[in-house]
Amino acid sequence: MPVIRKNLLQLIFSGAYLLRWNDKLRPVELLETDKQAHKMLLACVLWHENSRHLPDAERVALATEVIEGGLFDYFYRLIITDVKPPIYYKIKENPEQFRQLTQHVLDKLEPALAPLGPFWERMCQWHASPDDDTPARRILTAAHLFASQWEFKLIEPLNAPFDDEMGDIGQSFPDRLDTFTDLLGLDRMRTPGTALSRLANLCGQLRFQVRWTQAPRIPATSVLGHMFIVASYAYFFSLAVDACPARANNNFFCGLFHDLPEVLTRDIISPVKQSISDLPKIIKEYEDKELERRVFGPLKGEGFTSLVERIEYYLGANVGSEFQECVRENGVVRAVESFQALAACNCDALDPKDGQLIKVCDNLAAFLEAHSSIRNGVSSPHLLEACVRLQTRLREHSPNGLGLDALLADFD
């Protein structure tokens, strides 16, 4: 089974340092982790809509390919971040040059990813045989283009008056997206005012919400970027505990969606949530009401009821929390009492989803945020206290079998 090490967690987190569109005037900092989260949220929607007609086994296999393909591309992107897209596409047209670039990327990634065993082998194969016409790659490319276009629309008004590249860049997005018109859901996503378009916009807006607002940090992660980091950690820990494919997929998507309600309430730090005994309950009731009014109600009104049910499953709507283990049996969702008990439900047919494991990854991502800032020389009493508190919580309140003691020892 894969081994989770410190350098893997740091590699995933490193996208929070990478600026996008860094040769353009930007109204806010646009970070790679934010873009990847937006892309994968959209990819999840497109996967769901384009796999409803498939047998369950094929649906699960396609979700796995979409998730892993997204991670493969993200890791590749971390290494070639300074190569502008036009240059990258030019290199890609030359098979030998592209092979050399890919080999350079894989050599750089091998120390962190090779311990993942089969995942690393699948990644090498993915980049060695780039077939752009598979369903998973087409879903990922369409989601990538949509998320990049969303960012472009933020910077376009500031740059258009003087930057002669803006016209060509702007036109490239609809031209390329037009080649994916067969993907179910994409047309509605691209149509302003529709429920899918509003969902895509709400997801994108989570990049504007900076976490830890009372504690300046480097890097200053957003809620959106945090969601991607949690999702990635959840997927690799799922592989480490030998989760069935459906469980691993659900854990990734749960991590990806788990803070979606914060677009409606903002990111409220734990000390504030815990300062009033009834506050978490009040916040949860407000989130549920607003999600139904602004997201789920409109989606159901336009015929996306099954998509709503899927997102609700990730958010733990039927069992009270996204951090509660659960399964779906004969269409009925039921809670499972613990991480250990979920091991008996570890089969695709039960569509299992972790709870405590997701919470561990949520805390681990928060720990990386605090630890990285302190390591970068930007600290505060609040960050130092949070770092100790999170490390203690991870050591004392995490399920056995995740190997956290040895992992956390590497950060001491």
Protein backbone atom coordinates (compact mmCIF):
# COMPACT_ATOMS: atom_id res chain seq x y z
CA MET A 1 0.00 0.00 0.00
CA PRO A 2 1.14 3.61 -0.58
CA VAL A 3 3.18 5.32 2.12
CA ILE A 4 2.19 8.90 3.04
CA ARG A 5 5.24 11.03 3.81
CA LYS A 6 5.96 14.62 4.69
CA ASN A 7 7.33 15.48 1.24
CA LEU A 8 4.06 14.35 -0.41
CA LEU A 9 1.98 16.62 1.84
CA GLN A 10 4.33 19.53 1.16
CA LEU A 11 4.30 18.89 -2.57
CA ILE A 12 0.49 19.04 -2.65
CA PHE A 13 0.54 22.17 -0.50
CA SER A 14 3.19 23.88 -2.66
CA GLY A 15 0.57 24.93 -5.22
CA ALA A 16 -0.52 27.55 -2.67
CA TYR A 17 2.70 29.44 -3.49
CA LEU A 18 2.24 29.42 -7.27
CA LEU A 19 0.78 32.57 -8.77
CA ARG A 20 -1.31 32.31 -11.92
CA TRP A 21 -1.45 35.02 -14.61
CA ASN A 22 1.62 36.50 -12.92
CA ASP A 23 2.53 38.50 -16.01
CA LYS A 24 -0.85 40.29 -15.90
CA LEU A 25 -2.40 42.93 -13.65
CA ARG A 26 -4.62 41.08 -11.16
CA PRO A 27 -7.38 42.35 -8.83
CA VAL A 28 -6.59 39.49 -6.40
CA GLU A 29 -3.83 36.91 -6.23
CA LEU A 30 -4.79 33.91 -8.34
CA LEU A 31 -3.23 30.74 -6.96
CA GLU A 32 -2.72 27.32 -8.51
CA THR A 33 -4.49 25.46 -5.70
CA ASP A 34 -7.55 27.68 -6.18
CA LYS A 35 -7.67 27.00 -9.90
CA GLN A 36 -7.26 23.26 -9.33
CA ALA A 37 -10.10 23.20 -6.80
CA HIS A 38 -12.42 25.09 -9.16
CA LYS A 39 -11.45 22.80 -12.04
CA MET A 40 -12.07 19.62 -10.06
CA LEU A 41 -15.40 20.84 -8.66
CA LEU A 42 -16.55 21.42 -12.23
CA ALA A 43 -15.05 18.08 -13.31
CA CYS A 44 -17.10 16.36 -10.60
CA VAL A 45 -20.29 17.92 -11.97
CA LEU A 46 -19.40 16.95 -15.53
CA TRP A 47 -18.47 13.42 -14.43
CA HIS A 48 -21.82 13.02 -12.70
CA GLU A 49 -23.85 14.30 -15.63
CA ASN A 50 -21.95 12.26 -18.23
CA SER A 51 -21.96 8.97 -16.35
CA ARG A 52 -25.57 8.67 -15.21
CA HIS A 53 -26.31 6.22 -18.03
CA LEU A 54 -23.32 3.99 -17.22
CA PRO A 55 -23.33 0.84 -15.07
CA ASP A 56 -22.11 1.47 -11.53
CA ALA A 57 -18.71 -0.15 -12.13
CA GLU A 58 -18.04 2.09 -15.14
CA ARG A 59 -19.20 5.19 -13.24
CA VAL A 60 -16.75 4.44 -10.44
CA ALA A 61 -13.92 3.72 -12.89
CA LEU A 62 -14.55 7.00 -14.74
CA ALA A 63 -14.59 8.97 -11.46
CA THR A 64 -11.25 7.41 -10.48
CA GLU A 65 -9.74 8.33 -13.84
CA VAL A 66 -11.03 11.90 -13.57
CA ILE A 67 -9.67 12.32 -10.03
CA GLU A 68 -6.29 10.73 -10.70
CA GLY A 69 -5.97 12.49 -14.06
CA GLY A 70 -6.59 15.79 -12.30
CA LEU A 71 -3.89 14.98 -9.74
CA PHE A 72 -1.47 13.80 -12.45
CA ASP A 73 -1.92 17.08 -14.31
CA TYR A 74 -1.61 19.13 -11.10
CA PHE A 75 1.71 17.56 -10.18
CA TYR A 76 2.95 18.10 -13.74
CA ARG A 77 1.86 21.74 -13.54
CA LEU A 78 3.81 22.29 -10.31
CA ILE A 79 7.06 21.65 -12.18
CA ILE A 80 6.37 23.57 -15.40
CA THR A 81 4.67 26.53 -13.75
CA ASP A 82 6.99 29.08 -15.43
CA VAL A 83 6.28 27.79 -18.95
CA LYS A 84 3.59 29.96 -20.56
CA PRO A 85 0.72 28.03 -22.20
CA PRO A 86 1.60 29.00 -25.80
CA ILE A 87 5.15 27.72 -25.30
CA TYR A 88 3.90 24.53 -23.62
CA TYR A 89 1.50 23.76 -26.49
CA LYS A 90 4.33 24.42 -28.97
CA ILE A 91 6.54 21.91 -27.15
CA LYS A 92 3.68 19.43 -27.07
CA GLU A 93 3.46 19.52 -30.86
CA ASN A 94 7.00 18.09 -31.05
CA PRO A 95 6.95 14.50 -29.70
CA GLU A 96 10.65 14.35 -28.85
CA GLN A 97 10.70 17.73 -27.10
CA PHE A 98 7.56 16.82 -25.18
CA ARG A 99 9.07 13.47 -24.16
CA GLN A 100 12.16 15.24 -22.82
CA LEU A 101 10.05 17.77 -20.90
CA THR A 102 7.90 15.00 -19.42
CA GLN A 103 10.95 13.01 -18.37
CA HIS A 104 12.34 16.10 -16.63
CA VAL A 105 9.02 16.56 -14.79
CA LEU A 106 8.85 12.91 -13.70
CA ASP A 107 12.46 12.97 -12.50
CA LYS A 108 11.63 15.96 -10.29
CA LEU A 109 8.46 14.35 -8.90
CA GLU A 110 9.83 10.85 -8.34
CA PRO A 111 11.19 11.34 -4.78
CA ALA A 112 7.79 12.41 -3.45
CA LEU A 113 5.51 10.24 -5.59
CA ALA A 114 7.39 6.99 -6.19
CA PRO A 115 6.54 5.70 -2.65
CA LEU A 116 2.88 5.72 -3.77
CA GLY A 117 3.62 2.64 -5.86
CA PRO A 118 0.77 1.90 -8.30
CA PHE A 119 -0.36 5.56 -8.30
CA TRP A 120 3.11 6.61 -9.47
CA GLU A 121 3.07 3.94 -12.18
CA ARG A 122 -0.34 5.14 -13.41
CA MET A 123 0.93 8.72 -13.47
CA CYS A 124 3.95 7.79 -15.58
CA GLN A 125 1.66 5.96 -17.99
CA TRP A 126 -0.78 8.90 -18.13
CA HIS A 127 1.95 11.30 -19.21
CA ALA A 128 3.68 8.81 -21.49
CA SER A 129 0.53 8.22 -23.56
CA PRO A 130 -1.35 11.52 -23.76
CA ASP A 131 -4.59 10.51 -25.53
CA ASP A 132 -6.68 13.68 -25.36
CA ASP A 133 -9.87 12.00 -26.60
CA THR A 134 -10.73 9.74 -23.65
CA PRO A 135 -13.88 10.66 -21.64
CA ALA A 136 -11.87 11.49 -18.50
CA ARG A 137 -9.37 13.70 -20.34
CA ARG A 138 -12.16 15.53 -22.18
CA ILE A 139 -13.99 16.19 -18.89
CA LEU A 140 -10.77 17.48 -17.31
CA THR A 141 -9.88 19.66 -20.30
CA ALA A 142 -13.35 21.21 -20.42
CA ALA A 143 -13.26 21.89 -16.67
CA HIS A 144 -9.75 23.34 -16.99
CA LEU A 145 -10.81 25.68 -19.79
CA PHE A 146 -13.91 26.84 -17.92
CA ALA A 147 -11.99 27.54 -14.70
CA SER A 148 -9.21 29.36 -16.58
CA GLN A 149 -11.76 31.42 -18.49
CA TRP A 150 -13.41 32.32 -15.18
CA GLU A 151 -10.09 33.69 -13.93
CA PHE A 152 -9.47 35.46 -17.23
CA LYS A 153 -12.75 37.35 -16.93
CA LEU A 154 -11.50 38.72 -13.59
CA ILE A 155 -8.32 40.18 -15.06
CA GLU A 156 -9.58 41.12 -18.53
CA PRO A 157 -11.06 44.56 -17.68
CA LEU A 158 -7.80 45.62 -16.00
CA ASN A 159 -5.50 44.52 -18.84
CA ALA A 160 -7.52 44.98 -22.03
CA PRO A 161 -6.80 48.73 -22.46
CA PHE A 162 -3.05 48.19 -22.93
CA ASP A 163 -2.31 44.44 -23.30
CA ASP A 164 -2.59 43.31 -26.93
CA GLU A 165 -2.58 39.63 -25.92
CA MET A 166 -5.96 39.85 -24.22
CA GLY A 167 -8.07 39.58 -27.35
CA ASP A 168 -6.46 36.36 -28.56
CA ILE A 169 -6.45 34.82 -25.09
CA GLY A 170 -10.08 35.72 -24.54
CA GLN A 171 -11.19 34.20 -27.84
CA SER A 172 -9.22 31.00 -27.30
CA PHE A 173 -11.47 29.90 -24.45
CA PRO A 174 -14.85 29.83 -26.24
CA ASP A 175 -13.20 28.45 -29.38
CA ARG A 176 -11.80 25.47 -27.47
CA LEU A 177 -14.85 24.99 -25.24
CA ASP A 178 -17.01 24.79 -28.36
CA THR A 179 -15.29 21.49 -29.18
CA PHE A 180 -16.83 19.93 -26.03
CA THR A 181 -20.49 20.63 -26.75
CA ASP A 182 -21.28 16.90 -26.47
CA LEU A 183 -20.46 16.90 -22.75
CA LEU A 184 -23.74 16.93 -20.85
CA GLY A 185 -24.02 19.86 -18.46
CA LEU A 186 -21.32 22.01 -20.03
CA ASP A 187 -23.72 24.05 -22.12
CA ARG A 188 -25.85 24.85 -19.04
CA MET A 189 -22.69 25.68 -17.10
CA ARG A 190 -21.68 28.17 -19.80
CA THR A 191 -25.12 29.81 -19.99
CA PRO A 192 -25.39 32.81 -17.62
CA GLY A 193 -28.26 32.67 -15.16
CA THR A 194 -28.71 28.90 -15.11
CA ALA A 195 -28.43 26.92 -11.89
CA LEU A 196 -25.23 25.17 -13.05
CA SER A 197 -23.69 28.51 -14.01
CA ARG A 198 -24.56 29.90 -10.57
CA LEU A 199 -23.02 26.84 -8.88
CA ALA A 200 -19.83 27.28 -10.93
CA ASN A 201 -19.69 30.95 -9.97
CA LEU A 202 -20.27 30.26 -6.27
CA CYS A 203 -17.46 27.71 -6.29
CA GLY A 204 -15.15 30.20 -7.98
CA GLN A 205 -15.96 32.90 -5.44
CA LEU A 206 -14.49 30.80 -2.63
CA ARG A 207 -11.03 31.89 -3.85
CA PHE A 208 -11.86 35.38 -2.52
CA GLN A 209 -12.25 34.11 1.06
CA VAL A 210 -8.87 34.06 2.78
CA ARG A 211 -8.53 31.66 5.71
CA TRP A 212 -7.15 32.64 9.11
CA THR A 213 -8.11 36.29 8.62
CA GLN A 214 -6.93 37.15 12.15
CA ALA A 215 -3.45 35.72 11.53
CA PRO A 216 -1.37 37.00 8.58
CA ARG A 217 0.39 34.09 6.85
CA ILE A 218 2.65 33.19 3.94
CA PRO A 219 1.11 31.77 1.88
CA ALA A 220 -2.34 33.20 2.58
CA THR A 221 -4.49 30.24 1.55
CA SER A 222 -8.11 30.63 0.49
CA VAL A 223 -11.10 28.48 1.35
CA LEU A 224 -11.12 27.19 -2.24
CA GLY A 225 -7.46 26.17 -2.21
CA HIS A 226 -7.90 24.55 1.20
CA MET A 227 -10.70 22.39 -0.22
CA PHE A 228 -8.40 21.03 -2.94
CA ILE A 229 -5.62 20.28 -0.46
CA VAL A 230 -8.04 18.42 1.85
CA ALA A 231 -9.44 16.47 -1.12
CA SER A 232 -5.95 15.45 -2.27
CA TYR A 233 -4.88 14.37 1.21
CA ALA A 234 -8.13 12.42 1.60
CA TYR A 235 -7.53 10.55 -1.65
CA PHE A 236 -3.99 9.50 -0.76
CA PHE A 237 -4.93 8.44 2.77
CA SER A 238 -7.76 6.43 1.20
CA LEU A 239 -5.20 4.61 -0.94
CA ALA A 240 -3.04 4.10 2.15
CA VAL A 241 -5.86 2.29 4.00
CA ASP A 242 -6.72 0.21 0.93
CA ALA A 243 -10.09 1.88 0.39
CA CYS A 244 -12.23 0.50 -2.42
CA PRO A 245 -12.39 2.77 -5.51
CA ALA A 246 -15.87 4.14 -4.69
CA ARG A 247 -14.77 5.05 -1.15
CA ALA A 248 -11.57 6.74 -2.34
CA ASN A 249 -13.54 8.71 -4.95
CA ASN A 250 -16.18 9.77 -2.43
CA ASN A 251 -13.49 10.88 0.01
CA PHE A 252 -11.85 13.07 -2.63
CA PHE A 253 -15.14 14.68 -3.64
CA CYS A 254 -16.20 15.08 0.00
CA GLY A 255 -12.95 16.92 0.74
CA LEU A 256 -13.52 19.02 -2.36
CA PHE A 257 -17.06 20.06 -1.39
CA HIS A 258 -16.76 20.09 2.40
CA ASP A 259 -16.44 23.88 2.78
CA LEU A 260 -18.85 24.83 -0.02
CA PRO A 261 -21.34 26.27 2.53
CA GLU A 262 -18.72 28.84 3.56
CA VAL A 263 -19.46 30.82 0.40
CA LEU A 264 -22.70 31.64 2.23
CA THR A 265 -21.33 32.17 5.77
CA ARG A 266 -17.63 33.04 5.36
CA ASP A 267 -14.82 31.10 7.04
CA ILE A 268 -15.52 31.27 10.79
CA ILE A 269 -12.50 30.25 12.86
CA SER A 270 -12.88 27.49 15.46
CA PRO A 271 -12.41 29.67 18.60
CA VAL A 272 -15.31 31.86 17.49
CA LYS A 273 -17.50 28.85 16.64
CA GLN A 274 -16.79 27.37 20.05
CA SER A 275 -17.30 30.61 22.00
CA ILE A 276 -21.08 30.16 22.13
CA SER A 277 -22.50 26.68 22.73
CA ASP A 278 -25.35 27.04 20.22
CA LEU A 279 -23.36 28.87 17.53
CA PRO A 280 -22.33 25.78 15.49
CA LYS A 281 -25.98 24.69 15.38
CA ILE A 282 -27.13 28.17 14.31
CA ILE A 283 -24.47 28.30 11.59
CA LYS A 284 -25.41 24.82 10.33
CA GLU A 285 -29.11 25.69 10.16
CA TYR A 286 -28.33 28.87 8.22
CA GLU A 287 -26.00 27.03 5.84
CA ASP A 288 -28.60 24.36 5.12
CA LYS A 289 -31.29 26.95 4.48
CA GLU A 290 -29.14 29.07 2.20
CA LEU A 291 -27.76 26.07 0.31
CA GLU A 292 -31.30 24.98 -0.44
CA ARG A 293 -32.41 28.48 -1.47
CA ARG A 294 -29.41 29.50 -3.54
CA VAL A 295 -27.94 26.23 -4.83
CA PHE A 296 -29.97 23.07 -4.41
CA GLY A 297 -33.45 24.48 -5.04
CA PRO A 298 -32.53 26.04 -8.40
CA LEU A 299 -30.63 22.90 -9.46
CA LYS A 300 -33.62 20.68 -8.67
CA GLY A 301 -35.88 23.12 -10.48
CA GLU A 302 -33.81 22.64 -13.65
CA GLY A 303 -33.79 18.84 -13.44
CA PHE A 304 -30.49 18.23 -11.61
CA THR A 305 -32.04 16.44 -8.62
CA SER A 306 -29.62 13.50 -8.76
CA LEU A 307 -26.64 15.91 -8.78
CA VAL A 308 -28.04 17.62 -5.68
CA GLU A 309 -28.44 14.25 -3.97
CA ARG A 310 -24.83 13.42 -4.79
CA ILE A 311 -23.49 16.69 -3.38
CA GLU A 312 -25.70 16.27 -0.30
CA TYR A 313 -24.18 12.82 0.19
CA TYR A 314 -20.69 14.36 0.17
CA LEU A 315 -21.83 17.02 2.65
CA GLY A 316 -23.40 14.44 4.98
CA ALA A 317 -26.89 15.91 4.69
CA ASN A 318 -28.55 12.61 5.58
CA VAL A 319 -26.30 11.79 8.54
CA GLY A 320 -25.77 15.21 10.10
CA SER A 321 -22.19 16.00 9.06
CA GLU A 322 -19.65 15.54 6.31
CA PHE A 323 -17.40 14.11 9.04
CA GLN A 324 -19.71 11.14 9.69
CA GLU A 325 -18.97 7.78 8.06
CA CYS A 326 -21.82 6.56 5.90
CA VAL A 327 -22.87 4.16 3.16
CA ARG A 328 -25.66 4.02 0.60
CA GLU A 329 -27.54 0.71 0.56
CA ASN A 330 -30.42 0.14 -1.87
CA GLY A 331 -30.63 3.87 -2.35
CA VAL A 332 -30.88 4.58 1.39
CA VAL A 333 -28.12 6.49 3.18
CA ARG A 334 -27.22 5.33 6.67
CA ALA A 335 -24.54 6.32 9.15
CA VAL A 336 -21.71 3.98 10.12
CA GLU A 337 -20.53 4.38 13.69
CA SER A 338 -16.77 4.66 13.19
CA PHE A 339 -13.74 4.52 10.91
CA GLN A 340 -13.09 0.97 12.09
CA ALA A 341 -16.68 -0.10 11.38
CA LEU A 342 -16.47 1.31 7.86
CA ALA A 343 -13.80 -1.30 7.07
CA ALA A 344 -16.58 -3.91 6.99
CA CYS A 345 -18.37 -1.81 4.34
CA ASN A 346 -15.32 -1.33 2.12
CA CYS A 347 -16.87 -2.35 -1.21
CA ASP A 348 -18.06 -0.33 -4.20
CA ALA A 349 -21.61 -1.71 -3.93
CA LEU A 350 -22.14 0.14 -0.62
CA ASP A 351 -20.75 3.45 -1.96
CA PRO A 352 -18.90 4.09 1.35
CA LYS A 353 -17.64 7.49 2.46
CA ASP A 354 -15.34 8.27 5.37
CA GLY A 355 -15.94 10.90 8.02
CA GLN A 356 -13.12 10.84 10.56
CA LEU A 357 -10.54 10.43 7.80
CA ILE A 358 -11.86 13.59 6.12
CA LYS A 359 -11.65 15.43 9.44
CA VAL A 360 -8.05 14.28 9.87
CA CYS A 361 -7.21 15.65 6.42
CA ASP A 362 -9.02 18.92 7.21
CA ASN A 363 -6.92 19.32 10.36
CA LEU A 364 -3.76 18.19 8.57
CA ALA A 365 -4.26 20.82 5.86
CA ALA A 366 -4.80 23.48 8.55
CA PHE A 367 -1.64 22.28 10.32
CA LEU A 368 0.34 22.62 7.06
CA GLU A 369 -1.03 26.15 6.64
CA ALA A 370 0.15 27.20 10.11
CA HIS A 371 3.43 25.25 10.02
CA SER A 372 4.40 26.53 6.57
CA SER A 373 3.84 30.15 7.52
CA ILE A 374 5.90 29.79 10.70
CA ARG A 375 8.66 28.10 8.68
CA ASN A 376 8.53 31.00 6.21
CA GLY A 377 9.14 33.50 9.03
CA VAL A 378 5.61 34.86 9.39
CA SER A 379 4.37 33.87 12.82
CA SER A 380 2.11 35.05 15.63
CA PRO A 381 0.92 33.74 19.01
CA HIS A 382 -2.31 32.65 17.29
CA LEU A 383 -0.44 30.61 14.66
CA LEU A 384 1.92 29.04 17.19
CA GLU A 385 -1.00 28.06 19.42
CA ALA A 386 -2.93 26.67 16.44
CA CYS A 387 0.07 24.62 15.30
CA VAL A 388 0.42 22.96 18.71
CA ARG A 389 -3.35 22.47 19.10
CA LEU A 390 -3.75 20.88 15.66
CA GLN A 391 -0.74 18.60 16.12
CA THR A 392 -2.07 17.46 19.50
CA ARG A 393 -5.55 16.87 18.09
CA LEU A 394 -4.15 14.85 15.19
CA ARG A 395 -2.10 12.68 17.54
CA GLU A 396 -4.81 12.11 20.14
CA HIS A 397 -8.06 11.99 18.18
CA SER A 398 -7.23 10.26 14.90
CA PRO A 399 -8.17 6.70 13.95
CA ASN A 400 -5.49 4.04 14.27
CA GLY A 401 -3.95 2.84 11.05
CA LEU A 402 -3.20 6.20 9.41
CA GLY A 403 0.42 6.38 10.58
CA LEU A 404 0.09 9.95 11.82
CA ASP A 405 2.57 9.71 14.71
CA ALA A 406 5.49 8.96 12.41
CA LEU A 407 4.25 11.48 9.85
CA LEU A 408 3.90 14.31 12.38
CA ALA A 409 7.28 13.47 13.90
CA ASP A 410 8.85 14.55 10.60
CA PHE A 411 7.50 18.07 11.20
CA ASP A 412 9.03 18.43 14.69
